[in-house]
PDB file of N, CA and C in Angstrom:
ATOM      1  N   MET A   1       0.841  -1.182   0.000  1.00  0.00           N
ATOM      2  CA  MET A   1       0.000   0.000   0.000  1.00  0.00           C
ATOM      3  C   MET A   1       0.889   1.249   0.000  1.00  0.00           C
ATOM      4  N   LYS A   2       0.532   2.217  -0.788  1.00  0.00           N
ATOM      5  CA  LYS A   2       1.330   3.430  -0.882  1.00  0.00           C
ATOM      6  C   LYS A   2       1.183   4.278   0.382  1.00  0.00           C
ATOM      7  N   GLU A   3       2.047   5.254   0.504  1.00  0.00           N
ATOM      8  CA  GLU A   3       2.004   6.183   1.637  1.00  0.00           C
ATOM      9  C   GLU A   3       0.640   6.868   1.696  1.00  0.00           C
ATOM     10  N   ASP A   4       0.039   6.887   2.867  1.00  0.00           N
ATOM     11  CA  ASP A   4      -1.258   7.536   3.056  1.00  0.00           C
ATOM     12  C   ASP A   4      -1.039   9.012   3.335  1.00  0.00           C
ATOM     13  N   GLN A   5      -0.798   9.779   2.272  1.00  0.00           N
ATOM     14  CA  GLN A   5      -0.555  11.213   2.419  1.00  0.00           C
ATOM     15  C   GLN A   5      -1.239  11.962   1.290  1.00  0.00           C
ATOM     16  N   TRP A   6      -1.796  13.120   1.633  1.00  0.00           N
ATOM     17  CA  TRP A   6      -2.481  13.970   0.670  1.00  0.00           C
ATOM     18  C   TRP A   6      -1.961  15.390   0.821  1.00  0.00           C
ATOM     19  N   THR A   7      -1.959  16.143  -0.281  1.00  0.00           N
ATOM     20  CA  THR A   7      -1.455  17.515  -0.276  1.00  0.00           C
ATOM     21  C   THR A   7      -2.499  18.434  -0.884  1.00  0.00           C
ATOM     22  N   GLN A   8      -2.663  19.607  -0.262  1.00  0.00           N
ATOM     23  CA  GLN A   8      -3.581  20.629  -0.768  1.00  0.00           C
ATOM     24  C   GLN A   8      -2.823  21.942  -0.849  1.00  0.00           C
ATOM     25  N   LYS A   9      -2.780  22.537  -2.039  1.00  0.00           N
ATOM     26  CA  LYS A   9      -2.117  23.833  -2.229  1.00  0.00           C
ATOM     27  C   LYS A   9      -3.109  24.944  -1.904  1.00  0.00           C
ATOM     28  N   LEU A  10      -2.707  25.848  -1.016  1.00  0.00           N
ATOM     29  CA  LEU A  10      -3.496  27.010  -0.605  1.00  0.00           C
ATOM     30  C   LEU A  10      -2.540  28.198  -0.561  1.00  0.00           C
ATOM     31  N   PRO A  11      -2.047  28.650  -1.728  1.00  0.00           N
ATOM     32  CA  PRO A  11      -0.962  29.643  -1.778  1.00  0.00           C
ATOM     33  C   PRO A  11      -1.178  30.819  -0.830  1.00  0.00           C
ATOM     34  N   PRO A  12      -0.161  31.186  -0.050  1.00  0.00           N
ATOM     35  CA  PRO A  12       1.217  30.682  -0.067  1.00  0.00           C
ATOM     36  C   PRO A  12       1.410  29.456   0.821  1.00  0.00           C
ATOM     37  N   TYR A  13       0.319  28.833   1.253  1.00  0.00           N
ATOM     38  CA  TYR A  13       0.402  27.679   2.148  1.00  0.00           C
ATOM     39  C   TYR A  13       0.253  26.376   1.374  1.00  0.00           C
ATOM     40  N   THR A  14       0.812  25.328   1.945  1.00  0.00           N
ATOM     41  CA  THR A  14       0.575  23.973   1.472  1.00  0.00           C
ATOM     42  C   THR A  14       0.230  23.139   2.694  1.00  0.00           C
ATOM     43  N   ALA A  15      -0.894  22.436   2.617  1.00  0.00           N
ATOM     44  CA  ALA A  15      -1.319  21.557   3.709  1.00  0.00           C
ATOM     45  C   ALA A  15      -0.987  20.118   3.322  1.00  0.00           C
ATOM     46  N   HIS A  16      -0.288  19.431   4.218  1.00  0.00           N
ATOM     47  CA  HIS A  16       0.039  18.021   4.024  1.00  0.00           C
ATOM     48  C   HIS A  16      -0.729  17.243   5.087  1.00  0.00           C
ATOM     49  N   VAL A  17      -1.467  16.241   4.664  1.00  0.00           N
ATOM     50  CA  VAL A  17      -2.243  15.409   5.582  1.00  0.00           C
ATOM     51  C   VAL A  17      -1.746  13.980   5.447  1.00  0.00           C
ATOM     52  N   ARG A  18      -1.387  13.393   6.577  1.00  0.00           N
ATOM     53  CA  ARG A  18      -0.865  12.027   6.582  1.00  0.00           C
ATOM     54  C   ARG A  18      -1.631  11.203   7.599  1.00  0.00           C
ATOM     55  N   TYR A  19      -2.003   9.998   7.209  1.00  0.00           N
ATOM     56  CA  TYR A  19      -2.699   9.101   8.126  1.00  0.00           C
ATOM     57  C   TYR A  19      -1.682   8.348   8.974  1.00  0.00           C
ATOM     58  N   ASP A  20      -1.838   8.437  10.284  1.00  0.00           N
ATOM     59  CA  ASP A  20      -0.980   7.722  11.235  1.00  0.00           C
ATOM     60  C   ASP A  20      -1.733   6.471  11.674  1.00  0.00           C
ATOM     61  N   LYS A  21      -1.324   5.323  11.149  1.00  0.00           N
ATOM     62  CA  LYS A  21      -2.031   4.068  11.432  1.00  0.00           C
ATOM     63  C   LYS A  21      -1.955   3.675  12.904  1.00  0.00           C
ATOM     64  N   ASP A  22      -0.809   3.931  13.532  1.00  0.00           N
ATOM     65  CA  ASP A  22      -0.632   3.533  14.928  1.00  0.00           C
ATOM     66  C   ASP A  22      -1.547   4.308  15.869  1.00  0.00           C
ATOM     67  N   ARG A  23      -1.744   5.587  15.587  1.00  0.00           N
ATOM     68  CA  ARG A  23      -2.570   6.434  16.455  1.00  0.00           C
ATOM     69  C   ARG A  23      -3.977   6.639  15.914  1.00  0.00           C
ATOM     70  N   HIS A  24      -4.253   6.102  14.731  1.00  0.00           N
ATOM     71  CA  HIS A  24      -5.557   6.212  14.069  1.00  0.00           C
ATOM     72  C   HIS A  24      -6.028   7.660  14.026  1.00  0.00           C
ATOM     73  N   ARG A  25      -5.168   8.496  13.418  1.00  0.00           N
ATOM     74  CA  ARG A  25      -5.477   9.916  13.282  1.00  0.00           C
ATOM     75  C   ARG A  25      -4.819  10.461  12.019  1.00  0.00           C
ATOM     76  N   PHE A  26      -5.259  11.644  11.629  1.00  0.00           N
ATOM     77  CA  PHE A  26      -4.653  12.352  10.511  1.00  0.00           C
ATOM     78  C   PHE A  26      -3.793  13.471  11.068  1.00  0.00           C
ATOM     79  N   ASP A  27      -2.523  13.467  10.729  1.00  0.00           N
ATOM     80  CA  ASP A  27      -1.606  14.527  11.131  1.00  0.00           C
ATOM     81  C   ASP A  27      -1.578  15.563  10.011  1.00  0.00           C
ATOM     82  N   ILE A  28      -1.755  16.822  10.370  1.00  0.00           N
ATOM     83  CA  ILE A  28      -1.810  17.909   9.404  1.00  0.00           C
ATOM     84  C   ILE A  28      -0.602  18.815   9.615  1.00  0.00           C
ATOM     85  N   THR A  29       0.104  19.102   8.538  1.00  0.00           N
ATOM     86  CA  THR A  29       1.219  20.048   8.561  1.00  0.00           C
ATOM     87  C   THR A  29       0.895  21.154   7.573  1.00  0.00           C
ATOM     88  N   LEU A  30       0.888  22.384   8.049  1.00  0.00           N
ATOM     89  CA  LEU A  30       0.611  23.545   7.215  1.00  0.00           C
ATOM     90  C   LEU A  30       1.905  24.340   7.072  1.00  0.00           C
ATOM     91  N   VAL A  31       2.369  24.508   5.836  1.00  0.00           N
ATOM     92  CA  VAL A  31       3.644  25.171   5.575  1.00  0.00           C
ATOM     93  C   VAL A  31       3.395  26.465   4.810  1.00  0.00           C
ATOM     94  N   ASN A  32       3.931  27.573   5.329  1.00  0.00           N
ATOM     95  CA  ASN A  32       3.905  28.845   4.611  1.00  0.00           C
ATOM     96  C   ASN A  32       5.173  28.866   3.768  1.00  0.00           C
ATOM     97  N   GLU A  33       5.006  28.706   2.447  1.00  0.00           N
ATOM     98  CA  GLU A  33       6.157  28.598   1.556  1.00  0.00           C
ATOM     99  C   GLU A  33       6.985  29.884   1.510  1.00  0.00           C
ATOM    100  N   ARG A  34       6.336  31.037   1.642  1.00  0.00           N
ATOM    101  CA  ARG A  34       7.058  32.321   1.578  1.00  0.00           C
ATOM    102  C   ARG A  34       7.916  32.556   2.799  1.00  0.00           C
ATOM    103  N   GLU A  35       7.328  32.339   3.955  1.00  0.00           N
ATOM    104  CA  GLU A  35       8.025  32.672   5.206  1.00  0.00           C
ATOM    105  C   GLU A  35       8.636  31.457   5.891  1.00  0.00           C
ATOM    106  N   GLN A  36       8.488  30.286   5.290  1.00  0.00           N
ATOM    107  CA  GLN A  36       9.032  29.041   5.838  1.00  0.00           C
ATOM    108  C   GLN A  36       8.565  28.785   7.270  1.00  0.00           C
ATOM    109  N   GLN A  37       7.293  29.076   7.537  1.00  0.00           N
ATOM    110  CA  GLN A  37       6.698  28.787   8.839  1.00  0.00           C
ATOM    111  C   GLN A  37       5.906  27.486   8.740  1.00  0.00           C
ATOM    112  N   VAL A  38       5.882  26.755   9.841  1.00  0.00           N
ATOM    113  CA  VAL A  38       5.192  25.467   9.875  1.00  0.00           C
ATOM    114  C   VAL A  38       4.269  25.425  11.079  1.00  0.00           C
ATOM    115  N   ALA A  39       3.043  24.938  10.870  1.00  0.00           N
ATOM    116  CA  ALA A  39       2.087  24.699  11.956  1.00  0.00           C
ATOM    117  C   ALA A  39       1.621  23.246  11.835  1.00  0.00           C
ATOM    118  N   THR A  40       1.371  22.618  12.975  1.00  0.00           N
ATOM    119  CA  THR A  40       0.923  21.224  12.948  1.00  0.00           C
ATOM    120  C   THR A  40      -0.313  21.052  13.813  1.00  0.00           C
ATOM    121  N   SER A  41      -1.088  20.036  13.465  1.00  0.00           N
ATOM    122  CA  SER A  41      -2.280  19.685  14.225  1.00  0.00           C
ATOM    123  C   SER A  41      -2.637  18.248  13.864  1.00  0.00           C
ATOM    124  N   SER A  42      -3.676  17.722  14.487  1.00  0.00           N
ATOM    125  CA  SER A  42      -4.142  16.381  14.123  1.00  0.00           C
ATOM    126  C   SER A  42      -5.645  16.282  14.321  1.00  0.00           C
ATOM    127  N   VAL A  43      -6.231  15.323  13.614  1.00  0.00           N
ATOM    128  CA  VAL A  43      -7.667  15.061  13.663  1.00  0.00           C
ATOM    129  C   VAL A  43      -7.842  13.559  13.823  1.00  0.00           C
ATOM    130  N   ARG A  44      -8.678  13.172  14.746  1.00  0.00           N
ATOM    131  CA  ARG A  44      -8.951  11.751  14.966  1.00  0.00           C
ATOM    132  C   ARG A  44      -9.683  11.180  13.759  1.00  0.00           C
ATOM    133  N   ALA A  45      -9.267  10.013  13.294  1.00  0.00           N
ATOM    134  CA  ALA A  45      -9.912   9.351  12.153  1.00  0.00           C
ATOM    135  C   ALA A  45     -11.118   8.548  12.626  1.00  0.00           C
ATOM    136  N   THR A  46     -12.176   8.564  11.825  1.00  0.00           N
ATOM    137  CA  THR A  46     -13.345   7.743  12.155  1.00  0.00           C
ATOM    138  C   THR A  46     -13.291   6.406  11.432  1.00  0.00           C
ATOM    139  N   TYR A  47     -12.656   6.387  10.260  1.00  0.00           N
ATOM    140  CA  TYR A  47     -12.531   5.159   9.479  1.00  0.00           C
ATOM    141  C   TYR A  47     -11.090   4.974   9.063  1.00  0.00           C
ATOM    142  N   MET A  48     -10.712   3.750   8.752  1.00  0.00           N
ATOM    143  CA  MET A  48      -9.386   3.460   8.231  1.00  0.00           C
ATOM    144  C   MET A  48      -9.395   3.762   6.737  1.00  0.00           C
ATOM    145  N   PRO A  49      -8.575   4.705   6.277  1.00  0.00           N
ATOM    146  CA  PRO A  49      -8.610   5.049   4.853  1.00  0.00           C
ATOM    147  C   PRO A  49      -7.986   3.951   3.995  1.00  0.00           C
ATOM    148  N   SER A  50      -8.773   3.388   3.103  1.00  0.00           N
ATOM    149  CA  SER A  50      -8.267   2.366   2.196  1.00  0.00           C
ATOM    150  C   SER A  50      -7.952   2.947   0.825  1.00  0.00           C
ATOM    151  N   PHE A  51      -8.849   3.808   0.346  1.00  0.00           N
ATOM    152  CA  PHE A  51      -8.693   4.367  -0.997  1.00  0.00           C
ATOM    153  C   PHE A  51      -8.724   5.883  -0.973  1.00  0.00           C
ATOM    154  N   GLY A  52      -8.496   6.490   0.163  1.00  0.00           N
ATOM    155  CA  GLY A  52      -8.544   7.935   0.297  1.00  0.00           C
ATOM    156  C   GLY A  52      -9.194   8.295   1.618  1.00  0.00           C
ATOM    157  N   ILE A  53      -9.450   9.567   1.794  1.00  0.00           N
ATOM    158  CA  ILE A  53     -10.026  10.047   3.040  1.00  0.00           C
ATOM    159  C   ILE A  53     -11.545   9.928   2.978  1.00  0.00           C
ATOM    160  N   ASP A  54     -12.145   9.354   4.010  1.00  0.00           N
ATOM    161  CA  ASP A  54     -13.598   9.233   4.088  1.00  0.00           C
ATOM    162  C   ASP A  54     -14.233  10.621   4.145  1.00  0.00           C
ATOM    163  N   ILE A  55     -15.426  10.748   3.614  1.00  0.00           N
ATOM    164  CA  ILE A  55     -16.097  12.048   3.534  1.00  0.00           C
ATOM    165  C   ILE A  55     -16.294  12.678   4.913  1.00  0.00           C
ATOM    166  N   SER A  56     -16.588  11.893   5.922  1.00  0.00           N
ATOM    167  CA  SER A  56     -16.775  12.468   7.263  1.00  0.00           C
ATOM    168  C   SER A  56     -15.447  12.975   7.826  1.00  0.00           C
ATOM    169  N   ASP A  57     -14.371  12.271   7.543  1.00  0.00           N
ATOM    170  CA  ASP A  57     -13.057  12.729   7.986  1.00  0.00           C
ATOM    171  C   ASP A  57     -12.603  13.941   7.187  1.00  0.00           C
ATOM    172  N   SER A  58     -12.928  13.995   5.897  1.00  0.00           N
ATOM    173  CA  SER A  58     -12.474  15.116   5.068  1.00  0.00           C
ATOM    174  C   SER A  58     -13.073  16.428   5.547  1.00  0.00           C
ATOM    175  N   ALA A  59     -14.309  16.410   6.017  1.00  0.00           N
ATOM    176  CA  ALA A  59     -14.934  17.632   6.539  1.00  0.00           C
ATOM    177  C   ALA A  59     -14.215  18.105   7.797  1.00  0.00           C
ATOM    178  N   GLU A  60     -13.881  17.194   8.682  1.00  0.00           N
ATOM    179  CA  GLU A  60     -13.174  17.550   9.918  1.00  0.00           C
ATOM    180  C   GLU A  60     -11.765  18.052   9.607  1.00  0.00           C
ATOM    181  N   ILE A  61     -11.099  17.430   8.649  1.00  0.00           N
ATOM    182  CA  ILE A  61      -9.762  17.875   8.245  1.00  0.00           C
ATOM    183  C   ILE A  61      -9.829  19.273   7.650  1.00  0.00           C
ATOM    184  N   ALA A  62     -10.806  19.524   6.780  1.00  0.00           N
ATOM    185  CA  ALA A  62     -10.964  20.853   6.167  1.00  0.00           C
ATOM    186  C   ALA A  62     -11.229  21.912   7.230  1.00  0.00           C
ATOM    187  N   ASP A  63     -12.065  21.593   8.219  1.00  0.00           N
ATOM    188  CA  ASP A  63     -12.345  22.536   9.308  1.00  0.00           C
ATOM    189  C   ASP A  63     -11.077  22.842  10.103  1.00  0.00           C
ATOM    190  N   GLU A  64     -10.278  21.818  10.368  1.00  0.00           N
ATOM    191  CA  GLU A  64      -9.047  22.021  11.138  1.00  0.00           C
ATOM    192  C   GLU A  64      -8.041  22.847  10.338  1.00  0.00           C
ATOM    193  N   ILE A  65      -7.930  22.606   9.035  1.00  0.00           N
ATOM    194  CA  ILE A  65      -7.032  23.410   8.198  1.00  0.00           C
ATOM    195  C   ILE A  65      -7.486  24.863   8.207  1.00  0.00           C
ATOM    196  N   THR A  66      -8.794  25.107   8.147  1.00  0.00           N
ATOM    197  CA  THR A  66      -9.324  26.474   8.212  1.00  0.00           C
ATOM    198  C   THR A  66      -8.956  27.136   9.529  1.00  0.00           C
ATOM    199  N   ARG A  67      -9.107  26.403  10.645  1.00  0.00           N
ATOM    200  CA  ARG A  67      -8.726  26.948  11.959  1.00  0.00           C
ATOM    201  C   ARG A  67      -7.233  27.261  11.998  1.00  0.00           C
ATOM    202  N   MET A  68      -6.414  26.382  11.421  1.00  0.00           N
ATOM    203  CA  MET A  68      -4.972  26.591  11.401  1.00  0.00           C
ATOM    204  C   MET A  68      -4.614  27.828  10.576  1.00  0.00           C
ATOM    205  N   LEU A  69      -5.274  28.009   9.423  1.00  0.00           N
ATOM    206  CA  LEU A  69      -5.020  29.183   8.585  1.00  0.00           C
ATOM    207  C   LEU A  69      -5.355  30.474   9.332  1.00  0.00           C
ATOM    208  N   HIS A  70      -6.442  30.465  10.078  1.00  0.00           N
ATOM    209  CA  HIS A  70      -6.814  31.647  10.867  1.00  0.00           C
ATOM    210  C   HIS A  70      -5.787  31.923  11.954  1.00  0.00           C
ATOM    211  N   ARG A  71      -5.301  30.857  12.615  1.00  0.00           N
ATOM    212  CA  ARG A  71      -4.295  31.046  13.679  1.00  0.00           C
ATOM    213  C   ARG A  71      -2.999  31.621  13.119  1.00  0.00           C
ATOM    214  N   VAL A  72      -2.487  31.031  12.035  1.00  0.00           N
ATOM    215  CA  VAL A  72      -1.183  31.461  11.529  1.00  0.00           C
ATOM    216  C   VAL A  72      -1.249  32.824  10.845  1.00  0.00           C
ATOM    217  N   SER A  73      -2.416  33.210  10.362  1.00  0.00           N
ATOM    218  CA  SER A  73      -2.541  34.518   9.698  1.00  0.00           C
ATOM    219  C   SER A  73      -2.867  35.632  10.684  1.00  0.00           C
ATOM    220  N   GLY A  74      -3.152  35.254  11.951  1.00  0.00           N
ATOM    221  CA  GLY A  74      -3.456  36.254  12.971  1.00  0.00           C
ATOM    222  C   GLY A  74      -4.896  36.727  12.959  1.00  0.00           C
ATOM    223  N   ARG A  75      -5.742  36.104  12.133  1.00  0.00           N
ATOM    224  CA  ARG A  75      -7.153  36.484  12.099  1.00  0.00           C
ATOM    225  C   ARG A  75      -7.930  35.684  13.144  1.00  0.00           C
ATOM    226  N   ALA A  76      -9.012  36.273  13.590  1.00  0.00           N
ATOM    227  CA  ALA A  76      -9.879  35.586  14.547  1.00  0.00           C
ATOM    228  C   ALA A  76     -10.537  34.390  13.855  1.00  0.00           C
ATOM    229  N   GLU A  77     -10.740  33.335  14.609  1.00  0.00           N
ATOM    230  CA  GLU A  77     -11.414  32.176  14.058  1.00  0.00           C
ATOM    231  C   GLU A  77     -12.894  32.477  13.877  1.00  0.00           C
ATOM    232  N   PRO A  78     -13.507  31.876  12.826  1.00  0.00           N
ATOM    233  CA  PRO A  78     -14.940  32.134  12.577  1.00  0.00           C
ATOM    234  C   PRO A  78     -15.809  31.518  13.654  1.00  0.00           C
TER     235      PRO A  78
END
């Protein structure tokens, strides 16, 4: 099975999401390519990803990435 990792470009940020099988969670790394800043977080997985991220997990991951973007940009969270 290939590496369970997904990437989303959000210029100037790139979000990397990796499934941690041992902890049954998704680890999120948000990198600001311009300023070389890194933020990390994680989201508990509800299902074991076999062919990609489950729809229920993808919503939680997207919400966490949004919260991370607000934190690193200095804006208040919605």
